[in-house]
Amino acid sequence: MLQRFLSLIQAGEFQSLLEIARQMNVSVDMVRRMAGEMADRGYLEEIRLECDAVQPGCAGCPIQGKCQPAGRQWVLTEKGRAAVSGMQG
């Protein structure tokens, strides 16, 4: 289940914990716990999105153009990307 969670995060198609929970057919609380566990293990990092007019576009952002202007998002760390690549290979 944790491997699937990491794969969904890497795919970048799901913008909220609710959407990931629906895709995985689990509760939002379960997804929160998985995210916390994966962050504690160094596979994920949380980014807080605070985009505003001062920042010119999405240049340099790890989730360019896929965010909602405010809120929290999770992205894979280098360790997380390596783990997902290992699952696919």
C-alpha atoms as a PDB file:
ATOM      1  CA  MET A   1       0.000   0.000   0.000  1.00  0.00           C
ATOM      2  CA  LEU A   2       2.849   2.407   0.808  1.00  0.00           C
ATOM      3  CA  GLN A   3       4.472   1.663  -2.549  1.00  0.00           C
ATOM      4  CA  ARG A   4       1.248   2.519  -4.354  1.00  0.00           C
ATOM      5  CA  PHE A   5       0.964   5.710  -2.337  1.00  0.00           C
ATOM      6  CA  LEU A   6       4.480   6.764  -3.397  1.00  0.00           C
ATOM      7  CA  SER A   7       3.686   5.925  -7.015  1.00  0.00           C
ATOM      8  CA  LEU A   8       0.581   8.128  -6.925  1.00  0.00           C
ATOM      9  CA  ILE A   9       2.575  10.997  -5.448  1.00  0.00           C
ATOM     10  CA  GLN A  10       5.202  10.610  -8.167  1.00  0.00           C
ATOM     11  CA  ALA A  11       2.583  10.548 -10.919  1.00  0.00           C
ATOM     12  CA  GLY A  12       1.474  13.978  -9.721  1.00  0.00           C
ATOM     13  CA  GLU A  13      -2.090  13.448 -10.904  1.00  0.00           C
ATOM     14  CA  PHE A  14      -3.690  13.823  -7.489  1.00  0.00           C
ATOM     15  CA  GLN A  15      -3.696  17.215  -5.879  1.00  0.00           C
ATOM     16  CA  SER A  16      -5.179  16.504  -2.478  1.00  0.00           C
ATOM     17  CA  LEU A  17      -5.157  13.868   0.206  1.00  0.00           C
ATOM     18  CA  LEU A  18      -8.861  13.378  -0.489  1.00  0.00           C
ATOM     19  CA  GLU A  19      -8.177  12.538  -4.141  1.00  0.00           C
ATOM     20  CA  ILE A  20      -5.423  10.093  -3.168  1.00  0.00           C
ATOM     21  CA  ALA A  21      -7.720   8.498  -0.575  1.00  0.00           C
ATOM     22  CA  ARG A  22     -10.430   8.036  -3.194  1.00  0.00           C
ATOM     23  CA  GLN A  23      -7.982   6.508  -5.668  1.00  0.00           C
ATOM     24  CA  MET A  24      -6.663   4.100  -3.027  1.00  0.00           C
ATOM     25  CA  ASN A  25     -10.106   3.437  -1.524  1.00  0.00           C
ATOM     26  CA  VAL A  26      -8.963   4.350   1.994  1.00  0.00           C
ATOM     27  CA  SER A  27      -9.783   7.142   4.437  1.00  0.00           C
ATOM     28  CA  VAL A  28      -8.157  10.562   4.313  1.00  0.00           C
ATOM     29  CA  ASP A  29      -6.838   9.866   7.815  1.00  0.00           C
ATOM     30  CA  MET A  30      -5.067   6.753   6.488  1.00  0.00           C
ATOM     31  CA  VAL A  31      -3.484   8.797   3.693  1.00  0.00           C
ATOM     32  CA  ARG A  32      -2.352  11.398   6.256  1.00  0.00           C
ATOM     33  CA  ARG A  33      -0.719   8.664   8.328  1.00  0.00           C
ATOM     34  CA  MET A  34       0.991   7.195   5.244  1.00  0.00           C
ATOM     35  CA  ALA A  35       2.280  10.637   4.260  1.00  0.00           C
ATOM     36  CA  GLY A  36       3.591  11.227   7.770  1.00  0.00           C
ATOM     37  CA  GLU A  37       5.285   7.841   7.885  1.00  0.00           C
ATOM     38  CA  MET A  38       6.872   8.299   4.468  1.00  0.00           C
ATOM     39  CA  ALA A  39       8.068  11.782   5.448  1.00  0.00           C
ATOM     40  CA  ASP A  40       9.552  10.431   8.688  1.00  0.00           C
ATOM     41  CA  ARG A  41      11.403   7.775   6.668  1.00  0.00           C
ATOM     42  CA  GLY A  42      12.734  10.383   4.251  1.00  0.00           C
ATOM     43  CA  TYR A  43      10.715   9.390   1.161  1.00  0.00           C
ATOM     44  CA  LEU A  44       8.501  12.487   1.062  1.00  0.00           C
ATOM     45  CA  GLU A  45       8.730  16.109   1.925  1.00  0.00           C
ATOM     46  CA  GLU A  46       5.890  18.492   2.478  1.00  0.00           C
ATOM     47  CA  ILE A  47       5.881  21.781   0.674  1.00  0.00           C
ATOM     48  CA  ARG A  48       3.648  24.617   1.681  1.00  0.00           C
ATOM     49  CA  LEU A  49       2.269  26.490  -1.246  1.00  0.00           C
ATOM     50  CA  GLU A  50       2.092  30.183  -0.678  1.00  0.00           C
ATOM     51  CA  CYS A  51       2.217  31.463  -4.221  1.00  0.00           C
ATOM     52  CA  ASP A  52       1.235  35.051  -4.773  1.00  0.00           C
ATOM     53  CA  ALA A  53       1.692  37.830  -7.288  1.00  0.00           C
ATOM     54  CA  VAL A  54       5.231  38.458  -6.013  1.00  0.00           C
ATOM     55  CA  GLN A  55       6.418  35.114  -7.394  1.00  0.00           C
ATOM     56  CA  PRO A  56       6.591  35.136 -11.188  1.00  0.00           C
ATOM     57  CA  GLY A  57       4.873  31.932 -12.206  1.00  0.00           C
ATOM     58  CA  CYS A  58       5.890  28.410 -11.315  1.00  0.00           C
ATOM     59  CA  ALA A  59       9.560  28.455 -12.364  1.00  0.00           C
ATOM     60  CA  GLY A  60      11.601  26.203 -10.114  1.00  0.00           C
ATOM     61  CA  CYS A  61       8.635  24.706  -8.273  1.00  0.00           C
ATOM     62  CA  PRO A  62       8.689  20.877  -8.032  1.00  0.00           C
ATOM     63  CA  ILE A  63       5.004  20.660  -8.989  1.00  0.00           C
ATOM     64  CA  GLN A  64       4.875  23.303 -11.706  1.00  0.00           C
ATOM     65  CA  GLY A  65       1.343  24.188 -12.763  1.00  0.00           C
ATOM     66  CA  LYS A  66      -0.270  21.285 -10.885  1.00  0.00           C
ATOM     67  CA  CYS A  67      -1.028  23.025  -7.630  1.00  0.00           C
ATOM     68  CA  GLN A  68      -3.780  24.953  -6.061  1.00  0.00           C
ATOM     69  CA  PRO A  69      -2.497  28.396  -5.058  1.00  0.00           C
ATOM     70  CA  ALA A  70      -2.546  27.713  -1.330  1.00  0.00           C
ATOM     71  CA  GLY A  71      -2.291  24.618   0.763  1.00  0.00           C
ATOM     72  CA  ARG A  72      -0.022  21.650   1.367  1.00  0.00           C
ATOM     73  CA  GLN A  73       1.458  19.263  -1.143  1.00  0.00           C
ATOM     74  CA  TRP A  74       3.776  16.297  -0.878  1.00  0.00           C
ATOM     75  CA  VAL A  75       6.666  15.624  -3.215  1.00  0.00           C
ATOM     76  CA  LEU A  76       9.062  12.706  -3.384  1.00  0.00           C
ATOM     77  CA  THR A  77      12.573  13.198  -2.113  1.00  0.00           C
ATOM     78  CA  GLU A  78      15.520  11.731  -3.990  1.00  0.00           C
ATOM     79  CA  LYS A  79      15.174   8.636  -1.785  1.00  0.00           C
ATOM     80  CA  GLY A  80      11.471   8.417  -2.673  1.00  0.00           C
ATOM     81  CA  ARG A  81      12.133   8.727  -6.412  1.00  0.00           C
ATOM     82  CA  ALA A  82      14.783   5.996  -6.178  1.00  0.00           C
ATOM     83  CA  ALA A  83      12.333   3.732  -4.333  1.00  0.00           C
ATOM     84  CA  VAL A  84       9.631   4.194  -6.966  1.00  0.00           C
ATOM     85  CA  SER A  85      12.157   3.627  -9.773  1.00  0.00           C
ATOM     86  CA  GLY A  86      13.233   0.410  -8.063  1.00  0.00           C
ATOM     87  CA  MET A  87       9.614  -0.782  -7.932  1.00  0.00           C
ATOM     88  CA  GLN A  88       9.163  -0.182 -11.649  1.00  0.00           C
ATOM     89  CA  GLY A  89      12.462  -1.735 -12.719  1.00  0.00           C
END
